[in-house]
Amino acid sequence: MFDFDQSEVPIRENLADAFRHVWGHLSTAGTWWSGPERVAIAEIARAAYQDQPIPEGDLLPVPAREAAALVGKQPSAITAELIQTWEIAGLDATQYVELIAVAAQVTTVDTFHRAMGLELEPLPYPQSGTPSRELPAVPARKTRAWVPMVGPPTIPTSLSAVPNEMAALEALHGPAYLTYEEMSDPTIQKGLSRAQMELVAARTSAINECFF
């Protein structure tokens, strides 16, 4: 799994390890979704991104299927009103936060493979287990953001309503970009200079219509 020996460009082993961790994380029960449900979310997000037919099945409720497809295909089309519509239809806000995390992680790994000209890794086989339903120590609240968060609404706290996904984001954030500690160092080098990294990040954000 994630054997990059045949890649024309050297790939750091800690990045391969991070991807393996993501695949293991996706396949197991999370906070609100089971392992099979999480893999189903990843399948829908991947199919939507590739303009392929959305996999059929009744494992996920309709609003979750709609959300997974839109997060995978066109996240910029999501609005506060749409999230509220999904909530009314039965998709709890914290379930939606976990769904975003799953879709974002598989999209991150897939995007890297496409950029490197590599075949996509098959999605992991779902594991059995029961969702933990773990709540953050400090209650998450909805303030200026569209979903509840712990503390001020910022990118680092975006998944804070689901602590398990917050930890998973941090585990991927460092190898794929920078750790939070490294972000304060403008001289850091990881193949690219810090200025080059930020240029790529800014351009990617603009293309994806990110706003925060």
N, C-alpha and C. Protein backbone atom coordinates (compact mmCIF):
# COMPACT_ATOMS: atom_id res chain seq x y z
N MET A 1 0.84 -1.20 0.00
CA MET A 1 0.00 0.00 0.00
C MET A 1 0.88 1.25 0.00
N PHE A 2 0.60 2.15 -0.92
CA PHE A 2 1.36 3.39 -1.05
C PHE A 2 2.86 3.13 -1.18
N ASP A 3 3.18 2.24 -2.11
CA ASP A 3 4.57 1.93 -2.44
C ASP A 3 4.97 2.83 -3.61
N PHE A 4 5.80 3.83 -3.34
CA PHE A 4 6.15 4.82 -4.35
C PHE A 4 7.52 4.57 -4.97
N ASP A 5 8.03 3.35 -4.90
CA ASP A 5 9.35 3.04 -5.42
C ASP A 5 9.45 3.30 -6.92
N GLN A 6 8.33 3.15 -7.63
CA GLN A 6 8.35 3.33 -9.09
C GLN A 6 8.10 4.77 -9.53
N SER A 7 7.93 5.64 -8.58
CA SER A 7 7.67 7.04 -8.92
C SER A 7 8.91 7.67 -9.55
N GLU A 8 8.69 8.49 -10.58
CA GLU A 8 9.81 9.17 -11.24
C GLU A 8 10.39 10.28 -10.36
N VAL A 9 9.60 10.72 -9.39
CA VAL A 9 10.04 11.77 -8.48
C VAL A 9 10.14 11.18 -7.08
N PRO A 10 11.24 11.40 -6.38
CA PRO A 10 11.36 10.87 -5.00
C PRO A 10 10.23 11.40 -4.12
N ILE A 11 9.65 10.50 -3.34
CA ILE A 11 8.55 10.86 -2.45
C ILE A 11 8.96 10.51 -1.03
N ARG A 12 8.83 11.48 -0.14
CA ARG A 12 9.24 11.28 1.25
C ARG A 12 8.49 10.13 1.90
N GLU A 13 9.18 9.32 2.67
CA GLU A 13 8.56 8.17 3.32
C GLU A 13 7.53 8.60 4.35
N ASN A 14 7.76 9.76 4.99
CA ASN A 14 6.78 10.19 5.99
C ASN A 14 5.45 10.56 5.34
N LEU A 15 5.49 10.91 4.06
CA LEU A 15 4.24 11.19 3.34
C LEU A 15 3.51 9.89 3.04
N ALA A 16 4.25 8.87 2.62
CA ALA A 16 3.64 7.56 2.39
C ALA A 16 3.06 7.01 3.69
N ASP A 17 3.78 7.19 4.79
CA ASP A 17 3.29 6.73 6.09
C ASP A 17 2.01 7.47 6.48
N ALA A 18 1.96 8.77 6.19
CA ALA A 18 0.77 9.55 6.50
C ALA A 18 -0.43 9.07 5.70
N PHE A 19 -0.21 8.72 4.44
CA PHE A 19 -1.30 8.21 3.60
C PHE A 19 -1.79 6.86 4.11
N ARG A 20 -0.86 6.01 4.54
CA ARG A 20 -1.27 4.71 5.11
C ARG A 20 -2.10 4.93 6.36
N HIS A 21 -1.71 5.90 7.16
CA HIS A 21 -2.48 6.22 8.37
C HIS A 21 -3.88 6.69 8.00
N VAL A 22 -3.99 7.53 6.97
CA VAL A 22 -5.30 8.00 6.50
C VAL A 22 -6.18 6.83 6.11
N TRP A 23 -5.63 5.89 5.33
CA TRP A 23 -6.42 4.75 4.86
C TRP A 23 -6.89 3.89 6.04
N GLY A 24 -6.02 3.69 7.02
CA GLY A 24 -6.43 2.94 8.20
C GLY A 24 -7.49 3.68 8.99
N HIS A 25 -7.35 4.99 9.07
CA HIS A 25 -8.31 5.82 9.79
C HIS A 25 -9.67 5.80 9.10
N LEU A 26 -9.67 5.91 7.78
CA LEU A 26 -10.93 5.94 7.04
C LEU A 26 -11.71 4.64 7.18
N SER A 27 -11.02 3.54 7.32
CA SER A 27 -11.67 2.24 7.28
C SER A 27 -12.30 1.84 8.61
N THR A 28 -12.00 2.56 9.68
CA THR A 28 -12.50 2.18 11.00
C THR A 28 -13.62 3.10 11.45
N ALA A 29 -14.40 2.62 12.41
CA ALA A 29 -15.50 3.43 12.93
C ALA A 29 -14.96 4.74 13.49
N GLY A 30 -15.69 5.81 13.19
CA GLY A 30 -15.29 7.12 13.68
C GLY A 30 -16.10 7.53 14.88
N THR A 31 -16.48 8.79 14.92
CA THR A 31 -17.26 9.31 16.03
C THR A 31 -18.75 9.10 15.81
N TRP A 32 -19.20 9.35 14.57
CA TRP A 32 -20.63 9.25 14.26
C TRP A 32 -20.93 8.25 13.15
N TRP A 33 -19.92 7.90 12.36
CA TRP A 33 -20.13 6.99 11.23
C TRP A 33 -19.34 5.70 11.44
N SER A 34 -19.90 4.58 11.01
CA SER A 34 -19.21 3.29 11.09
C SER A 34 -18.15 3.20 10.00
N GLY A 35 -17.30 2.17 10.08
CA GLY A 35 -16.28 1.95 9.05
C GLY A 35 -16.89 1.83 7.66
N PRO A 36 -17.91 0.98 7.45
CA PRO A 36 -18.54 0.88 6.13
C PRO A 36 -19.14 2.20 5.67
N GLU A 37 -19.72 2.96 6.59
CA GLU A 37 -20.30 4.26 6.20
C GLU A 37 -19.21 5.24 5.80
N ARG A 38 -18.10 5.24 6.50
CA ARG A 38 -17.00 6.16 6.18
C ARG A 38 -16.40 5.83 4.82
N VAL A 39 -16.22 4.54 4.53
CA VAL A 39 -15.70 4.16 3.21
C VAL A 39 -16.72 4.52 2.13
N ALA A 40 -18.01 4.39 2.42
CA ALA A 40 -19.04 4.78 1.45
C ALA A 40 -18.98 6.28 1.18
N ILE A 41 -18.74 7.08 2.20
CA ILE A 41 -18.58 8.53 2.02
C ILE A 41 -17.39 8.80 1.10
N ALA A 42 -16.27 8.10 1.34
CA ALA A 42 -15.07 8.28 0.52
C ALA A 42 -15.34 7.87 -0.93
N GLU A 43 -16.08 6.78 -1.13
CA GLU A 43 -16.40 6.31 -2.48
C GLU A 43 -17.22 7.35 -3.25
N ILE A 44 -18.20 7.93 -2.58
CA ILE A 44 -19.05 8.93 -3.22
C ILE A 44 -18.25 10.18 -3.55
N ALA A 45 -17.44 10.65 -2.60
CA ALA A 45 -16.63 11.85 -2.83
C ALA A 45 -15.67 11.64 -4.00
N ARG A 46 -15.03 10.47 -4.05
CA ARG A 46 -14.09 10.16 -5.13
C ARG A 46 -14.81 10.09 -6.47
N ALA A 47 -15.95 9.42 -6.53
CA ALA A 47 -16.70 9.29 -7.78
C ALA A 47 -17.17 10.65 -8.27
N ALA A 48 -17.67 11.48 -7.36
CA ALA A 48 -18.16 12.80 -7.75
C ALA A 48 -17.03 13.65 -8.32
N TYR A 49 -15.86 13.61 -7.68
CA TYR A 49 -14.72 14.39 -8.17
C TYR A 49 -14.35 13.98 -9.59
N GLN A 50 -14.45 12.70 -9.88
CA GLN A 50 -14.05 12.18 -11.19
C GLN A 50 -15.19 12.19 -12.22
N ASP A 51 -16.33 12.81 -11.85
CA ASP A 51 -17.49 12.84 -12.74
C ASP A 51 -17.96 11.45 -13.12
N GLN A 52 -17.83 10.52 -12.21
CA GLN A 52 -18.31 9.16 -12.42
C GLN A 52 -19.66 8.97 -11.73
N PRO A 53 -20.43 7.96 -12.14
CA PRO A 53 -21.71 7.72 -11.48
C PRO A 53 -21.53 7.51 -9.98
N ILE A 54 -22.40 8.10 -9.21
CA ILE A 54 -22.34 7.94 -7.76
C ILE A 54 -22.73 6.51 -7.40
N PRO A 55 -21.90 5.80 -6.62
CA PRO A 55 -22.23 4.43 -6.23
C PRO A 55 -23.61 4.34 -5.57
N GLU A 56 -24.36 3.34 -5.96
CA GLU A 56 -25.68 3.16 -5.38
C GLU A 56 -25.57 2.46 -4.02
N GLY A 57 -26.64 2.52 -3.26
CA GLY A 57 -26.66 1.87 -1.96
C GLY A 57 -27.49 2.66 -0.98
N ASP A 58 -27.95 1.99 0.05
CA ASP A 58 -28.77 2.65 1.06
C ASP A 58 -28.07 2.68 2.42
N LEU A 59 -26.75 2.53 2.40
CA LEU A 59 -26.00 2.56 3.65
C LEU A 59 -26.04 3.93 4.29
N LEU A 60 -26.02 4.98 3.46
CA LEU A 60 -26.03 6.35 3.95
C LEU A 60 -27.38 7.00 3.69
N PRO A 61 -27.85 7.86 4.59
CA PRO A 61 -29.08 8.60 4.32
C PRO A 61 -28.88 9.57 3.15
N VAL A 62 -29.99 9.94 2.53
CA VAL A 62 -29.93 10.78 1.33
C VAL A 62 -29.16 12.08 1.55
N PRO A 63 -29.40 12.84 2.64
CA PRO A 63 -28.63 14.09 2.80
C PRO A 63 -27.13 13.85 2.92
N ALA A 64 -26.72 12.73 3.51
CA ALA A 64 -25.30 12.43 3.62
C ALA A 64 -24.72 12.11 2.25
N ARG A 65 -25.46 11.41 1.41
CA ARG A 65 -25.00 11.11 0.06
C ARG A 65 -24.86 12.40 -0.74
N GLU A 66 -25.83 13.29 -0.60
CA GLU A 66 -25.77 14.56 -1.32
C GLU A 66 -24.58 15.39 -0.84
N ALA A 67 -24.37 15.41 0.47
CA ALA A 67 -23.26 16.20 1.02
C ALA A 67 -21.92 15.63 0.59
N ALA A 68 -21.76 14.32 0.63
CA ALA A 68 -20.49 13.70 0.25
C ALA A 68 -20.17 13.99 -1.22
N ALA A 69 -21.18 13.94 -2.08
CA ALA A 69 -20.96 14.21 -3.50
C ALA A 69 -20.56 15.66 -3.73
N LEU A 70 -21.22 16.57 -3.03
CA LEU A 70 -20.93 17.98 -3.24
C LEU A 70 -19.58 18.38 -2.64
N VAL A 71 -19.25 17.83 -1.48
CA VAL A 71 -17.94 18.10 -0.89
C VAL A 71 -16.84 17.58 -1.81
N GLY A 72 -17.06 16.42 -2.43
CA GLY A 72 -16.07 15.86 -3.33
C GLY A 72 -15.98 16.58 -4.65
N LYS A 73 -17.11 17.05 -5.17
CA LYS A 73 -17.17 17.62 -6.51
C LYS A 73 -17.00 19.13 -6.54
N GLN A 74 -17.79 19.84 -5.72
CA GLN A 74 -17.81 21.30 -5.80
C GLN A 74 -18.11 21.91 -4.43
N PRO A 75 -17.16 21.86 -3.51
CA PRO A 75 -17.42 22.38 -2.17
C PRO A 75 -17.78 23.85 -2.14
N SER A 76 -17.35 24.60 -3.15
CA SER A 76 -17.66 26.03 -3.18
C SER A 76 -19.16 26.28 -3.36
N ALA A 77 -19.90 25.26 -3.79
CA ALA A 77 -21.35 25.41 -3.99
C ALA A 77 -22.14 25.23 -2.71
N ILE A 78 -21.47 24.79 -1.63
CA ILE A 78 -22.15 24.57 -0.35
C ILE A 78 -22.42 25.91 0.32
N THR A 79 -23.63 26.07 0.81
CA THR A 79 -24.01 27.30 1.49
C THR A 79 -24.53 26.99 2.89
N ALA A 80 -24.63 28.01 3.72
CA ALA A 80 -25.18 27.82 5.06
C ALA A 80 -26.61 27.31 4.98
N GLU A 81 -27.35 27.80 4.00
CA GLU A 81 -28.74 27.38 3.84
C GLU A 81 -28.83 25.91 3.46
N LEU A 82 -27.90 25.45 2.63
CA LEU A 82 -27.90 24.05 2.22
C LEU A 82 -27.57 23.14 3.41
N ILE A 83 -26.60 23.55 4.21
CA ILE A 83 -26.27 22.77 5.40
C ILE A 83 -27.47 22.68 6.33
N GLN A 84 -28.19 23.79 6.46
CA GLN A 84 -29.38 23.80 7.30
C GLN A 84 -30.44 22.85 6.75
N THR A 85 -30.57 22.82 5.43
CA THR A 85 -31.52 21.90 4.79
C THR A 85 -31.16 20.46 5.09
N TRP A 86 -29.87 20.14 5.02
CA TRP A 86 -29.43 18.78 5.35
C TRP A 86 -29.70 18.45 6.81
N GLU A 87 -29.49 19.44 7.69
CA GLU A 87 -29.76 19.21 9.11
C GLU A 87 -31.24 18.91 9.34
N ILE A 88 -32.12 19.67 8.70
CA ILE A 88 -33.55 19.44 8.83
C ILE A 88 -33.92 18.05 8.32
N ALA A 89 -33.18 17.60 7.28
CA ALA A 89 -33.45 16.27 6.71
C ALA A 89 -32.84 15.14 7.53
N GLY A 90 -32.12 15.48 8.61
CA GLY A 90 -31.62 14.44 9.51
C GLY A 90 -30.11 14.31 9.59
N LEU A 91 -29.34 15.12 8.85
CA LEU A 91 -27.89 15.05 8.92
C LEU A 91 -27.40 16.01 10.00
N ASP A 92 -27.07 15.48 11.17
CA ASP A 92 -26.62 16.31 12.28
C ASP A 92 -25.34 17.07 11.91
N ALA A 93 -25.18 18.25 12.49
CA ALA A 93 -24.03 19.09 12.15
C ALA A 93 -22.71 18.40 12.43
N THR A 94 -22.62 17.65 13.54
CA THR A 94 -21.36 16.97 13.84
C THR A 94 -21.14 15.77 12.91
N GLN A 95 -22.21 15.13 12.47
CA GLN A 95 -22.07 14.09 11.45
C GLN A 95 -21.53 14.70 10.16
N TYR A 96 -22.01 15.88 9.84
CA TYR A 96 -21.54 16.58 8.64
C TYR A 96 -20.06 16.94 8.76
N VAL A 97 -19.63 17.36 9.94
CA VAL A 97 -18.21 17.69 10.14
C VAL A 97 -17.34 16.46 9.89
N GLU A 98 -17.77 15.32 10.42
CA GLU A 98 -16.99 14.09 10.19
C GLU A 98 -17.01 13.71 8.71
N LEU A 99 -18.14 13.90 8.06
CA LEU A 99 -18.24 13.61 6.63
C LEU A 99 -17.26 14.47 5.83
N ILE A 100 -17.19 15.75 6.17
CA ILE A 100 -16.23 16.65 5.51
C ILE A 100 -14.81 16.12 5.68
N ALA A 101 -14.48 15.70 6.91
CA ALA A 101 -13.14 15.22 7.19
C ALA A 101 -12.79 14.01 6.34
N VAL A 102 -13.70 13.06 6.24
CA VAL A 102 -13.46 11.85 5.44
C VAL A 102 -13.26 12.22 3.97
N ALA A 103 -14.17 13.04 3.44
CA ALA A 103 -14.07 13.43 2.03
C ALA A 103 -12.79 14.22 1.76
N ALA A 104 -12.43 15.09 2.68
CA ALA A 104 -11.22 15.91 2.50
C ALA A 104 -9.96 15.06 2.51
N GLN A 105 -9.92 14.06 3.39
CA GLN A 105 -8.73 13.23 3.47
C GLN A 105 -8.53 12.39 2.22
N VAL A 106 -9.61 11.78 1.72
CA VAL A 106 -9.45 10.96 0.51
C VAL A 106 -9.14 11.86 -0.68
N THR A 107 -9.69 13.06 -0.72
CA THR A 107 -9.40 13.99 -1.82
C THR A 107 -7.95 14.45 -1.78
N THR A 108 -7.42 14.67 -0.58
CA THR A 108 -6.01 15.06 -0.44
C THR A 108 -5.09 13.98 -1.00
N VAL A 109 -5.34 12.74 -0.62
CA VAL A 109 -4.50 11.63 -1.08
C VAL A 109 -4.65 11.44 -2.59
N ASP A 110 -5.87 11.49 -3.08
CA ASP A 110 -6.10 11.30 -4.52
C ASP A 110 -5.48 12.41 -5.34
N THR A 111 -5.59 13.65 -4.86
CA THR A 111 -5.02 14.78 -5.60
C THR A 111 -3.51 14.66 -5.72
N PHE A 112 -2.88 14.20 -4.65
CA PHE A 112 -1.43 13.98 -4.70
C PHE A 112 -1.09 12.96 -5.78
N HIS A 113 -1.83 11.86 -5.83
CA HIS A 113 -1.56 10.82 -6.82
C HIS A 113 -1.73 11.35 -8.24
N ARG A 114 -2.77 12.12 -8.47
CA ARG A 114 -2.98 12.68 -9.81
C ARG A 114 -1.84 13.62 -10.18
N ALA A 115 -1.42 14.44 -9.24
CA ALA A 115 -0.35 15.40 -9.51
C ALA A 115 0.96 14.68 -9.84
N MET A 116 1.17 13.52 -9.25
CA MET A 116 2.40 12.76 -9.47
C MET A 116 2.26 11.76 -10.61
N GLY A 117 1.10 11.73 -11.27
CA GLY A 117 0.90 10.80 -12.38
C GLY A 117 0.79 9.36 -11.93
N LEU A 118 0.29 9.13 -10.71
CA LEU A 118 0.19 7.79 -10.15
C LEU A 118 -1.25 7.30 -10.17
N GLU A 119 -1.42 5.98 -10.23
CA GLU A 119 -2.75 5.40 -10.13
C GLU A 119 -3.30 5.62 -8.72
N LEU A 120 -4.61 5.84 -8.65
CA LEU A 120 -5.22 6.03 -7.34
C LEU A 120 -5.15 4.73 -6.53
N GLU A 121 -4.91 4.86 -5.26
CA GLU A 121 -4.88 3.70 -4.37
C GLU A 121 -6.31 3.20 -4.14
N PRO A 122 -6.54 1.89 -4.26
CA PRO A 122 -7.89 1.38 -3.95
C PRO A 122 -8.29 1.77 -2.53
N LEU A 123 -9.55 2.09 -2.35
CA LEU A 123 -10.02 2.46 -1.03
C LEU A 123 -9.91 1.26 -0.07
N PRO A 124 -9.72 1.54 1.20
CA PRO A 124 -9.52 0.44 2.17
C PRO A 124 -10.79 -0.37 2.39
N TYR A 125 -10.61 -1.59 2.84
CA TYR A 125 -11.74 -2.44 3.19
C TYR A 125 -12.28 -1.98 4.54
N PRO A 126 -13.58 -1.73 4.65
CA PRO A 126 -14.11 -1.23 5.92
C PRO A 126 -14.03 -2.23 7.05
N GLN A 127 -13.71 -1.74 8.23
CA GLN A 127 -13.59 -2.56 9.42
C GLN A 127 -14.87 -2.47 10.26
N SER A 128 -15.10 -3.48 11.06
CA SER A 128 -16.25 -3.46 11.95
C SER A 128 -15.95 -2.58 13.16
N GLY A 129 -16.97 -2.24 13.88
CA GLY A 129 -16.78 -1.41 15.07
C GLY A 129 -17.95 -0.46 15.24
N THR A 130 -18.06 0.11 16.42
CA THR A 130 -19.15 1.01 16.75
C THR A 130 -18.63 2.44 16.89
N PRO A 131 -19.30 3.42 16.29
CA PRO A 131 -18.88 4.81 16.45
C PRO A 131 -18.78 5.20 17.93
N SER A 132 -17.79 6.01 18.27
CA SER A 132 -17.51 6.34 19.67
C SER A 132 -18.48 7.36 20.25
N ARG A 133 -19.04 8.23 19.40
CA ARG A 133 -19.91 9.32 19.84
C ARG A 133 -19.22 10.20 20.89
N GLU A 134 -17.92 10.35 20.73
CA GLU A 134 -17.13 11.17 21.66
C GLU A 134 -17.38 12.65 21.40
N LEU A 135 -17.63 13.38 22.45
CA LEU A 135 -17.83 14.82 22.35
C LEU A 135 -16.57 15.54 22.82
N PRO A 136 -16.29 16.73 22.31
CA PRO A 136 -15.12 17.47 22.79
C PRO A 136 -15.29 17.84 24.26
N ALA A 137 -14.18 17.99 24.96
CA ALA A 137 -14.21 18.32 26.39
C ALA A 137 -14.93 19.65 26.62
N VAL A 138 -14.69 20.60 25.72
CA VAL A 138 -15.40 21.88 25.76
C VAL A 138 -16.47 21.84 24.67
N PRO A 139 -17.71 22.10 25.00
CA PRO A 139 -18.77 21.99 23.99
C PRO A 139 -18.52 22.85 22.76
N ALA A 140 -18.76 22.26 21.59
CA ALA A 140 -18.64 23.01 20.34
C ALA A 140 -19.90 23.85 20.15
N ARG A 141 -19.71 25.06 19.66
CA ARG A 141 -20.85 25.96 19.46
C ARG A 141 -20.77 26.59 18.07
N LYS A 142 -21.93 26.88 17.53
CA LYS A 142 -22.00 27.53 16.23
C LYS A 142 -22.07 29.04 16.45
N THR A 143 -21.05 29.76 15.97
CA THR A 143 -21.01 31.22 16.10
C THR A 143 -21.05 31.84 14.71
N ARG A 144 -19.91 32.30 14.22
CA ARG A 144 -19.88 32.89 12.88
C ARG A 144 -19.67 31.86 11.79
N ALA A 145 -19.29 30.65 12.17
CA ALA A 145 -19.07 29.60 11.18
C ALA A 145 -20.39 28.86 10.90
N TRP A 146 -20.39 28.02 9.88
CA TRP A 146 -21.60 27.30 9.49
C TRP A 146 -21.78 26.01 10.28
N VAL A 147 -20.73 25.57 10.96
CA VAL A 147 -20.80 24.35 11.78
C VAL A 147 -20.28 24.68 13.16
N PRO A 148 -20.65 23.90 14.17
CA PRO A 148 -20.14 24.18 15.53
C PRO A 148 -18.64 23.94 15.63
N MET A 149 -17.97 24.76 16.41
CA MET A 149 -16.54 24.64 16.63
C MET A 149 -16.23 24.93 18.09
N VAL A 150 -15.07 24.47 18.53
CA VAL A 150 -14.57 24.78 19.86
C VAL A 150 -13.62 25.95 19.72
N GLY A 151 -13.93 27.06 20.39
CA GLY A 151 -13.09 28.23 20.27
C GLY A 151 -13.48 29.08 19.07
N PRO A 152 -12.61 30.03 18.71
CA PRO A 152 -12.93 30.91 17.59
C PRO A 152 -12.96 30.15 16.27
N PRO A 153 -13.81 30.58 15.33
CA PRO A 153 -13.91 29.88 14.05
C PRO A 153 -12.71 30.17 13.16
N THR A 154 -11.79 29.21 13.10
CA THR A 154 -10.60 29.34 12.26
C THR A 154 -10.38 28.01 11.55
N ILE A 155 -9.45 27.99 10.61
CA ILE A 155 -9.15 26.74 9.90
C ILE A 155 -8.64 25.66 10.87
N PRO A 156 -7.72 25.97 11.79
CA PRO A 156 -7.27 24.92 12.70
C PRO A 156 -8.38 24.34 13.59
N THR A 157 -9.47 25.11 13.81
CA THR A 157 -10.55 24.60 14.67
C THR A 157 -11.75 24.11 13.85
N SER A 158 -11.61 24.04 12.55
CA SER A 158 -12.75 23.73 11.69
C SER A 158 -13.39 22.38 11.97
N LEU A 159 -12.59 21.41 12.42
CA LEU A 159 -13.11 20.07 12.70
C LEU A 159 -13.18 19.79 14.20
N SER A 160 -13.08 20.83 15.01
CA SER A 160 -12.96 20.63 16.45
C SER A 160 -14.20 20.06 17.12
N ALA A 161 -15.35 20.07 16.44
CA ALA A 161 -16.54 19.44 17.00
C ALA A 161 -16.42 17.93 17.04
N VAL A 162 -15.45 17.39 16.28
CA VAL A 162 -15.21 15.94 16.23
C VAL A 162 -13.72 15.72 16.50
N PRO A 163 -13.31 15.60 17.77
CA PRO A 163 -11.90 15.55 18.14
C PRO A 163 -11.09 14.51 17.38
N ASN A 164 -11.67 13.36 17.10
CA ASN A 164 -10.95 12.30 16.39
C ASN A 164 -10.51 12.75 15.00
N GLU A 165 -11.37 13.52 14.33
CA GLU A 165 -11.03 14.01 13.00
C GLU A 165 -10.06 15.18 13.07
N MET A 166 -10.14 15.94 14.15
CA MET A 166 -9.18 17.02 14.35
C MET A 166 -7.77 16.45 14.46
N ALA A 167 -7.64 15.36 15.20
CA ALA A 167 -6.33 14.71 15.36
C ALA A 167 -5.85 14.13 14.04
N ALA A 168 -6.78 13.56 13.26
CA ALA A 168 -6.41 12.99 11.96
C ALA A 168 -5.93 14.07 11.01
N LEU A 169 -6.59 15.22 11.05
CA LEU A 169 -6.16 16.35 10.21
C LEU A 169 -4.74 16.77 10.56
N GLU A 170 -4.44 16.87 11.83
CA GLU A 170 -3.11 17.28 12.26
C GLU A 170 -2.05 16.26 11.84
N ALA A 171 -2.41 14.96 11.88
CA ALA A 171 -1.46 13.92 11.49
C ALA A 171 -1.11 14.00 10.01
N LEU A 172 -2.05 14.46 9.19
CA LEU A 172 -1.81 14.59 7.75
C LEU A 172 -1.22 15.95 7.40
N HIS A 173 -1.57 16.95 8.17
CA HIS A 173 -1.18 18.33 7.89
C HIS A 173 0.33 18.51 7.82
N GLY A 174 1.04 17.91 8.76
CA GLY A 174 2.49 18.08 8.81
C GLY A 174 3.21 17.49 7.61
N PRO A 175 3.04 16.20 7.32
CA PRO A 175 3.73 15.61 6.17
C PRO A 175 3.30 16.21 4.83
N ALA A 176 2.02 16.55 4.69
CA ALA A 176 1.53 17.06 3.41
C ALA A 176 1.85 18.54 3.21
N TYR A 177 2.03 19.25 4.30
CA TYR A 177 2.30 20.70 4.20
C TYR A 177 3.30 21.09 5.28
N LEU A 178 2.82 21.55 6.41
CA LEU A 178 3.65 21.95 7.53
C LEU A 178 2.92 21.64 8.83
N THR A 179 3.69 21.33 9.87
CA THR A 179 3.07 21.24 11.18
C THR A 179 2.71 22.66 11.61
N TYR A 180 1.86 22.77 12.63
CA TYR A 180 1.50 24.11 13.10
C TYR A 180 2.72 24.84 13.64
N GLU A 181 3.66 24.11 14.23
CA GLU A 181 4.88 24.74 14.73
C GLU A 181 5.74 25.24 13.57
N GLU A 182 5.82 24.45 12.49
CA GLU A 182 6.64 24.84 11.34
C GLU A 182 6.07 26.04 10.61
N MET A 183 4.77 26.28 10.74
CA MET A 183 4.15 27.38 10.00
C MET A 183 4.67 28.74 10.44
N SER A 184 5.26 28.80 11.62
CA SER A 184 5.81 30.08 12.10
C SER A 184 7.22 30.34 11.59
N ASP A 185 7.78 29.39 10.83
CA ASP A 185 9.16 29.50 10.34
C ASP A 185 9.16 29.83 8.84
N PRO A 186 9.45 31.07 8.44
CA PRO A 186 9.43 31.44 7.02
C PRO A 186 10.61 30.89 6.23
N THR A 187 11.60 30.32 6.92
CA THR A 187 12.81 29.84 6.22
C THR A 187 12.78 28.34 5.96
N ILE A 188 11.73 27.66 6.38
CA ILE A 188 11.71 26.21 6.28
C ILE A 188 11.73 25.74 4.83
N GLN A 189 12.38 24.61 4.57
CA GLN A 189 12.49 24.03 3.24
C GLN A 189 11.98 22.59 3.28
N LYS A 190 11.12 22.25 2.34
CA LYS A 190 10.67 20.86 2.18
C LYS A 190 10.62 20.55 0.69
N GLY A 191 11.78 20.58 0.07
CA GLY A 191 11.82 20.46 -1.38
C GLY A 191 11.55 21.82 -2.01
N LEU A 192 10.45 22.44 -1.64
CA LEU A 192 10.14 23.81 -2.02
C LEU A 192 10.50 24.76 -0.88
N SER A 193 10.76 26.00 -1.24
CA SER A 193 10.95 27.00 -0.20
C SER A 193 9.59 27.36 0.39
N ARG A 194 9.59 28.04 1.50
CA ARG A 194 8.32 28.44 2.13
C ARG A 194 7.54 29.36 1.19
N ALA A 195 8.22 30.25 0.51
CA ALA A 195 7.53 31.15 -0.41
C ALA A 195 6.88 30.37 -1.55
N GLN A 196 7.59 29.36 -2.08
CA GLN A 196 7.02 28.54 -3.14
C GLN A 196 5.81 27.75 -2.65
N MET A 197 5.91 27.21 -1.41
CA MET A 197 4.79 26.47 -0.85
C MET A 197 3.56 27.35 -0.74
N GLU A 198 3.75 28.58 -0.26
CA GLU A 198 2.61 29.47 -0.05
C GLU A 198 2.02 29.93 -1.39
N LEU A 199 2.85 30.06 -2.41
CA LEU A 199 2.35 30.42 -3.73
C LEU A 199 1.45 29.30 -4.28
N VAL A 200 1.90 28.06 -4.13
CA VAL A 200 1.09 26.92 -4.57
C VAL A 200 -0.21 26.87 -3.77
N ALA A 201 -0.12 27.08 -2.45
CA ALA A 201 -1.31 27.03 -1.60
C ALA A 201 -2.30 28.12 -1.97
N ALA A 202 -1.79 29.33 -2.21
CA ALA A 202 -2.67 30.44 -2.55
C ALA A 202 -3.35 30.22 -3.90
N ARG A 203 -2.59 29.73 -4.87
CA ARG A 203 -3.16 29.47 -6.20
C ARG A 203 -4.21 28.36 -6.13
N THR A 204 -3.91 27.32 -5.37
CA THR A 204 -4.86 26.22 -5.22
C THR A 204 -6.14 26.71 -4.55
N SER A 205 -6.00 27.53 -3.52
CA SER A 205 -7.17 28.07 -2.82
C SER A 205 -8.03 28.91 -3.76
N ALA A 206 -7.38 29.70 -4.61
CA ALA A 206 -8.13 30.54 -5.54
C ALA A 206 -8.89 29.69 -6.56
N ILE A 207 -8.23 28.66 -7.08
CA ILE A 207 -8.89 27.78 -8.06
C ILE A 207 -10.07 27.06 -7.44
N ASN A 208 -9.92 26.65 -6.19
CA ASN A 208 -10.99 25.93 -5.50
C ASN A 208 -12.03 26.84 -4.87
N GLU A 209 -11.86 28.16 -5.07
CA GLU A 209 -12.80 29.15 -4.53
C GLU A 209 -12.93 29.03 -3.02
N CYS A 210 -11.79 28.85 -2.36
CA CYS A 210 -11.79 28.79 -0.90
C CYS A 210 -12.01 30.20 -0.34
N PHE A 211 -12.71 30.26 0.77
CA PHE A 211 -12.85 31.54 1.46
C PHE A 211 -12.93 31.27 2.95
N PHE A 212 -12.28 32.13 3.72
CA PHE A 212 -12.29 32.00 5.18
C PHE A 212 -11.81 33.31 5.79
